[in-house]
Amino acid sequence: MAKPNDLVQGTLDLLILKTISLEPKHGWAIAKRIQQISGEVLQVQQGSLYPALHRLEQKAWIKAKWKETETGRQTKFYSLTGAGRVQLEEAENWSRLSAAINLVVETT
């Protein structure tokens, strides 16, 4: 199974931004969504996720707000900022880049 530190630098940031682009999510939900969408291939560990969330907050690409979960616990929910949406749009060139990399890998 691939782990974020095995991936191209910046990929985890993109995965997080994309995951919270539709609605705010707390850290555990972000990790589970990435795992689910990737067909259980990517498993984001807390040791990678929370430093990435902190880094994205420092860049002002995401913001955190304390909210109550379904279970009544208070936790931080992360959402995109305007700057984060701009960054996500720019990063969506990733599809083109990854398709090109895939072509090279499959044909060599």
N, C-alpha and C. Protein backbone atom coordinates (compact mmCIF):
# COMPACT_ATOMS: atom_id res chain seq x y z
N MET A 1 0.83 -1.19 0.00
CA MET A 1 0.00 0.00 0.00
C MET A 1 0.88 1.25 0.00
N ALA A 2 0.53 2.20 -0.83
CA ALA A 2 1.27 3.45 -0.90
C ALA A 2 0.89 4.33 0.29
N LYS A 3 1.90 4.96 0.83
CA LYS A 3 1.68 5.90 1.92
C LYS A 3 2.08 7.28 1.41
N PRO A 4 1.52 8.35 2.00
CA PRO A 4 1.80 9.69 1.49
C PRO A 4 3.28 10.01 1.36
N ASN A 5 4.13 9.54 2.28
CA ASN A 5 5.54 9.87 2.15
C ASN A 5 6.20 9.10 1.01
N ASP A 6 5.50 8.15 0.40
CA ASP A 6 5.98 7.46 -0.78
C ASP A 6 5.55 8.18 -2.06
N LEU A 7 4.69 9.14 -1.96
CA LEU A 7 4.12 9.82 -3.12
C LEU A 7 4.92 11.06 -3.46
N VAL A 8 4.68 11.59 -4.64
CA VAL A 8 5.32 12.82 -5.08
C VAL A 8 5.00 13.92 -4.07
N GLN A 9 6.02 14.71 -3.74
CA GLN A 9 5.82 15.79 -2.78
C GLN A 9 4.69 16.71 -3.24
N GLY A 10 3.81 17.07 -2.35
CA GLY A 10 2.69 17.94 -2.68
C GLY A 10 1.42 17.17 -2.99
N THR A 11 1.52 15.88 -3.21
CA THR A 11 0.35 15.09 -3.54
C THR A 11 -0.63 15.04 -2.38
N LEU A 12 -0.12 14.87 -1.16
CA LEU A 12 -1.01 14.81 0.00
C LEU A 12 -1.77 16.12 0.13
N ASP A 13 -1.11 17.24 -0.09
CA ASP A 13 -1.78 18.53 -0.02
C ASP A 13 -2.94 18.59 -1.02
N LEU A 14 -2.68 18.15 -2.24
CA LEU A 14 -3.71 18.12 -3.27
C LEU A 14 -4.87 17.21 -2.87
N LEU A 15 -4.56 16.04 -2.34
CA LEU A 15 -5.60 15.10 -1.91
C LEU A 15 -6.47 15.71 -0.81
N ILE A 16 -5.85 16.40 0.11
CA ILE A 16 -6.60 17.05 1.20
C ILE A 16 -7.48 18.15 0.64
N LEU A 17 -6.91 19.02 -0.18
CA LEU A 17 -7.69 20.12 -0.76
C LEU A 17 -8.89 19.60 -1.53
N LYS A 18 -8.67 18.58 -2.34
CA LYS A 18 -9.75 18.00 -3.14
C LYS A 18 -10.81 17.38 -2.24
N THR A 19 -10.38 16.70 -1.18
CA THR A 19 -11.30 16.01 -0.28
C THR A 19 -12.23 16.98 0.44
N ILE A 20 -11.73 18.15 0.81
CA ILE A 20 -12.57 19.11 1.54
C ILE A 20 -13.19 20.15 0.61
N SER A 21 -13.03 19.98 -0.69
CA SER A 21 -13.55 20.99 -1.61
C SER A 21 -15.07 21.07 -1.63
N LEU A 22 -15.75 19.98 -1.33
CA LEU A 22 -17.21 19.98 -1.36
C LEU A 22 -17.83 20.36 -0.02
N GLU A 23 -17.20 19.92 1.07
CA GLU A 23 -17.73 20.24 2.39
C GLU A 23 -16.63 20.12 3.43
N PRO A 24 -16.75 20.85 4.53
CA PRO A 24 -15.76 20.74 5.60
C PRO A 24 -15.75 19.33 6.19
N LYS A 25 -14.56 18.87 6.56
CA LYS A 25 -14.41 17.55 7.18
C LYS A 25 -13.38 17.64 8.29
N HIS A 26 -13.52 16.74 9.26
CA HIS A 26 -12.50 16.65 10.31
C HIS A 26 -11.40 15.70 9.84
N GLY A 27 -10.27 15.72 10.53
CA GLY A 27 -9.10 14.97 10.10
C GLY A 27 -9.36 13.49 9.81
N TRP A 28 -10.01 12.79 10.72
CA TRP A 28 -10.27 11.37 10.53
C TRP A 28 -11.12 11.13 9.29
N ALA A 29 -12.11 11.99 9.07
CA ALA A 29 -12.98 11.85 7.90
C ALA A 29 -12.21 12.12 6.60
N ILE A 30 -11.26 13.03 6.64
CA ILE A 30 -10.42 13.29 5.47
C ILE A 30 -9.62 12.04 5.11
N ALA A 31 -8.97 11.47 6.12
CA ALA A 31 -8.16 10.27 5.90
C ALA A 31 -9.01 9.11 5.38
N LYS A 32 -10.18 8.91 5.97
CA LYS A 32 -11.06 7.82 5.55
C LYS A 32 -11.57 8.03 4.13
N ARG A 33 -11.88 9.27 3.77
CA ARG A 33 -12.39 9.57 2.42
C ARG A 33 -11.31 9.30 1.37
N ILE A 34 -10.08 9.70 1.65
CA ILE A 34 -8.98 9.44 0.72
C ILE A 34 -8.79 7.94 0.55
N GLN A 35 -8.84 7.22 1.66
CA GLN A 35 -8.70 5.77 1.62
C GLN A 35 -9.84 5.14 0.80
N GLN A 36 -11.06 5.60 1.05
CA GLN A 36 -12.23 5.06 0.35
C GLN A 36 -12.17 5.35 -1.15
N ILE A 37 -11.92 6.60 -1.52
CA ILE A 37 -11.90 6.99 -2.92
C ILE A 37 -10.78 6.28 -3.68
N SER A 38 -9.66 6.03 -3.01
CA SER A 38 -8.52 5.39 -3.67
C SER A 38 -8.67 3.87 -3.74
N GLY A 39 -9.81 3.35 -3.34
CA GLY A 39 -10.01 1.91 -3.36
C GLY A 39 -9.14 1.19 -2.35
N GLU A 40 -8.92 1.83 -1.22
CA GLU A 40 -8.12 1.29 -0.12
C GLU A 40 -6.62 1.24 -0.43
N VAL A 41 -6.18 1.90 -1.50
CA VAL A 41 -4.77 1.89 -1.85
C VAL A 41 -3.98 2.89 -1.00
N LEU A 42 -4.55 4.07 -0.79
CA LEU A 42 -3.87 5.11 0.00
C LEU A 42 -4.40 5.11 1.42
N GLN A 43 -3.47 5.04 2.36
CA GLN A 43 -3.83 5.14 3.77
C GLN A 43 -3.00 6.27 4.37
N VAL A 44 -3.69 7.34 4.73
CA VAL A 44 -3.01 8.51 5.28
C VAL A 44 -2.91 8.35 6.79
N GLN A 45 -1.69 8.27 7.26
CA GLN A 45 -1.44 8.12 8.70
C GLN A 45 -1.52 9.48 9.39
N GLN A 46 -1.88 9.47 10.68
CA GLN A 46 -1.99 10.72 11.44
C GLN A 46 -0.69 11.51 11.42
N GLY A 47 0.44 10.79 11.43
CA GLY A 47 1.75 11.44 11.43
C GLY A 47 2.04 12.21 10.15
N SER A 48 1.31 11.92 9.09
CA SER A 48 1.43 12.67 7.84
C SER A 48 0.29 13.67 7.68
N LEU A 49 -0.92 13.25 8.08
CA LEU A 49 -2.11 14.08 7.87
C LEU A 49 -2.07 15.38 8.66
N TYR A 50 -1.84 15.31 9.96
CA TYR A 50 -1.95 16.52 10.78
C TYR A 50 -0.85 17.54 10.50
N PRO A 51 0.39 17.12 10.24
CA PRO A 51 1.38 18.13 9.80
C PRO A 51 0.98 18.77 8.47
N ALA A 52 0.39 18.00 7.56
CA ALA A 52 -0.06 18.56 6.28
C ALA A 52 -1.19 19.56 6.51
N LEU A 53 -2.14 19.21 7.37
CA LEU A 53 -3.24 20.14 7.67
C LEU A 53 -2.68 21.43 8.28
N HIS A 54 -1.73 21.29 9.18
CA HIS A 54 -1.13 22.47 9.81
C HIS A 54 -0.41 23.33 8.76
N ARG A 55 0.32 22.68 7.87
CA ARG A 55 1.03 23.39 6.80
C ARG A 55 0.05 24.14 5.89
N LEU A 56 -1.06 23.48 5.53
CA LEU A 56 -2.06 24.12 4.68
C LEU A 56 -2.73 25.29 5.39
N GLU A 57 -2.92 25.16 6.70
CA GLU A 57 -3.46 26.29 7.48
C GLU A 57 -2.49 27.47 7.46
N GLN A 58 -1.20 27.17 7.63
CA GLN A 58 -0.19 28.23 7.64
C GLN A 58 -0.13 28.95 6.29
N LYS A 59 -0.39 28.23 5.21
CA LYS A 59 -0.40 28.83 3.88
C LYS A 59 -1.72 29.56 3.60
N ALA A 60 -2.67 29.44 4.53
CA ALA A 60 -4.00 30.05 4.41
C ALA A 60 -4.81 29.44 3.26
N TRP A 61 -4.52 28.17 2.93
CA TRP A 61 -5.29 27.47 1.91
C TRP A 61 -6.50 26.76 2.52
N ILE A 62 -6.44 26.51 3.82
CA ILE A 62 -7.57 25.94 4.55
C ILE A 62 -7.74 26.70 5.86
N LYS A 63 -8.93 26.58 6.43
CA LYS A 63 -9.17 27.15 7.76
C LYS A 63 -9.84 26.07 8.60
N ALA A 64 -9.65 26.19 9.90
CA ALA A 64 -10.22 25.21 10.82
C ALA A 64 -11.23 25.89 11.73
N LYS A 65 -12.28 25.16 12.03
CA LYS A 65 -13.31 25.67 12.93
C LYS A 65 -13.73 24.52 13.85
N TRP A 66 -13.80 24.80 15.13
CA TRP A 66 -14.24 23.78 16.08
C TRP A 66 -15.74 23.58 15.96
N LYS A 67 -16.13 22.33 15.82
CA LYS A 67 -17.55 21.97 15.74
C LYS A 67 -17.77 20.67 16.50
N GLU A 68 -19.04 20.41 16.74
CA GLU A 68 -19.41 19.16 17.40
C GLU A 68 -19.69 18.09 16.33
N THR A 69 -19.15 16.89 16.55
CA THR A 69 -19.39 15.79 15.63
C THR A 69 -20.74 15.13 15.95
N GLU A 70 -21.08 14.11 15.16
CA GLU A 70 -22.33 13.37 15.38
C GLU A 70 -22.33 12.70 16.75
N THR A 71 -21.14 12.39 17.25
CA THR A 71 -21.03 11.71 18.55
C THR A 71 -20.98 12.68 19.72
N GLY A 72 -21.03 13.98 19.42
CA GLY A 72 -21.02 14.98 20.49
C GLY A 72 -19.63 15.47 20.87
N ARG A 73 -18.62 14.98 20.21
CA ARG A 73 -17.24 15.42 20.48
C ARG A 73 -16.94 16.72 19.75
N GLN A 74 -16.14 17.57 20.36
CA GLN A 74 -15.66 18.78 19.70
C GLN A 74 -14.40 18.44 18.92
N THR A 75 -14.37 18.80 17.65
CA THR A 75 -13.20 18.54 16.81
C THR A 75 -13.08 19.63 15.76
N LYS A 76 -11.90 19.75 15.19
CA LYS A 76 -11.67 20.76 14.15
C LYS A 76 -12.19 20.24 12.81
N PHE A 77 -12.96 21.06 12.15
CA PHE A 77 -13.40 20.78 10.78
C PHE A 77 -12.64 21.72 9.86
N TYR A 78 -12.12 21.16 8.79
CA TYR A 78 -11.29 21.92 7.87
C TYR A 78 -12.07 22.24 6.60
N SER A 79 -11.91 23.46 6.10
CA SER A 79 -12.57 23.86 4.86
C SER A 79 -11.60 24.70 4.04
N LEU A 80 -11.88 24.79 2.75
CA LEU A 80 -11.04 25.58 1.85
C LEU A 80 -11.28 27.07 2.03
N THR A 81 -10.24 27.83 1.86
CA THR A 81 -10.35 29.29 1.78
C THR A 81 -10.37 29.66 0.30
N GLY A 82 -10.55 30.92 0.00
CA GLY A 82 -10.49 31.37 -1.38
C GLY A 82 -9.14 31.05 -2.00
N ALA A 83 -8.07 31.28 -1.24
CA ALA A 83 -6.72 30.98 -1.74
C ALA A 83 -6.56 29.48 -1.96
N GLY A 84 -7.20 28.68 -1.13
CA GLY A 84 -7.15 27.23 -1.29
C GLY A 84 -7.86 26.78 -2.55
N ARG A 85 -8.97 27.42 -2.87
CA ARG A 85 -9.69 27.09 -4.12
C ARG A 85 -8.86 27.43 -5.35
N VAL A 86 -8.18 28.57 -5.29
CA VAL A 86 -7.30 28.95 -6.40
C VAL A 86 -6.17 27.93 -6.54
N GLN A 87 -5.58 27.54 -5.43
CA GLN A 87 -4.50 26.55 -5.45
C GLN A 87 -5.00 25.22 -5.99
N LEU A 88 -6.19 24.82 -5.60
CA LEU A 88 -6.76 23.56 -6.07
C LEU A 88 -6.98 23.60 -7.58
N GLU A 89 -7.48 24.72 -8.09
CA GLU A 89 -7.68 24.86 -9.54
C GLU A 89 -6.36 24.74 -10.28
N GLU A 90 -5.32 25.38 -9.75
CA GLU A 90 -4.00 25.30 -10.39
C GLU A 90 -3.45 23.88 -10.31
N ALA A 91 -3.67 23.22 -9.21
CA ALA A 91 -3.14 21.88 -9.00
C ALA A 91 -3.88 20.82 -9.80
N GLU A 92 -5.04 21.16 -10.33
CA GLU A 92 -5.79 20.17 -11.07
C GLU A 92 -5.14 19.85 -12.42
N ASN A 93 -4.05 20.54 -12.74
CA ASN A 93 -3.22 20.14 -13.87
C ASN A 93 -2.59 18.78 -13.58
N TRP A 94 -2.70 18.35 -12.32
CA TRP A 94 -2.18 17.06 -11.88
C TRP A 94 -2.73 15.93 -12.75
N SER A 95 -3.97 16.00 -13.14
CA SER A 95 -4.56 14.95 -13.97
C SER A 95 -3.79 14.78 -15.27
N ARG A 96 -3.46 15.87 -15.88
CA ARG A 96 -2.70 15.83 -17.14
C ARG A 96 -1.31 15.28 -16.90
N LEU A 97 -0.67 15.74 -15.84
CA LEU A 97 0.68 15.29 -15.50
C LEU A 97 0.70 13.81 -15.15
N SER A 98 -0.24 13.39 -14.32
CA SER A 98 -0.26 11.98 -13.91
C SER A 98 -0.59 11.06 -15.08
N ALA A 99 -1.43 11.52 -16.00
CA ALA A 99 -1.73 10.72 -17.19
C ALA A 99 -0.46 10.56 -18.04
N ALA A 100 0.33 11.61 -18.17
CA ALA A 100 1.57 11.54 -18.93
C ALA A 100 2.57 10.60 -18.26
N ILE A 101 2.68 10.68 -16.95
CA ILE A 101 3.58 9.78 -16.21
C ILE A 101 3.12 8.34 -16.39
N ASN A 102 1.83 8.13 -16.31
CA ASN A 102 1.26 6.79 -16.49
C ASN A 102 1.60 6.23 -17.86
N LEU A 103 1.53 7.05 -18.89
CA LEU A 103 1.87 6.60 -20.24
C LEU A 103 3.33 6.14 -20.31
N VAL A 104 4.21 6.89 -19.69
CA VAL A 104 5.64 6.53 -19.69
C VAL A 104 5.84 5.21 -18.94
N VAL A 105 5.24 5.08 -17.79
CA VAL A 105 5.39 3.87 -16.98
C VAL A 105 4.86 2.64 -17.70
N GLU A 106 3.73 2.78 -18.37
CA GLU A 106 3.11 1.65 -19.04
C GLU A 106 3.83 1.24 -20.33
N THR A 107 4.55 2.17 -20.97
CA THR A 107 5.15 1.85 -22.27
C THR A 107 6.64 1.56 -22.20
N THR A 108 7.25 1.71 -21.06
CA THR A 108 8.71 1.44 -20.98
C THR A 108 9.00 0.14 -20.30
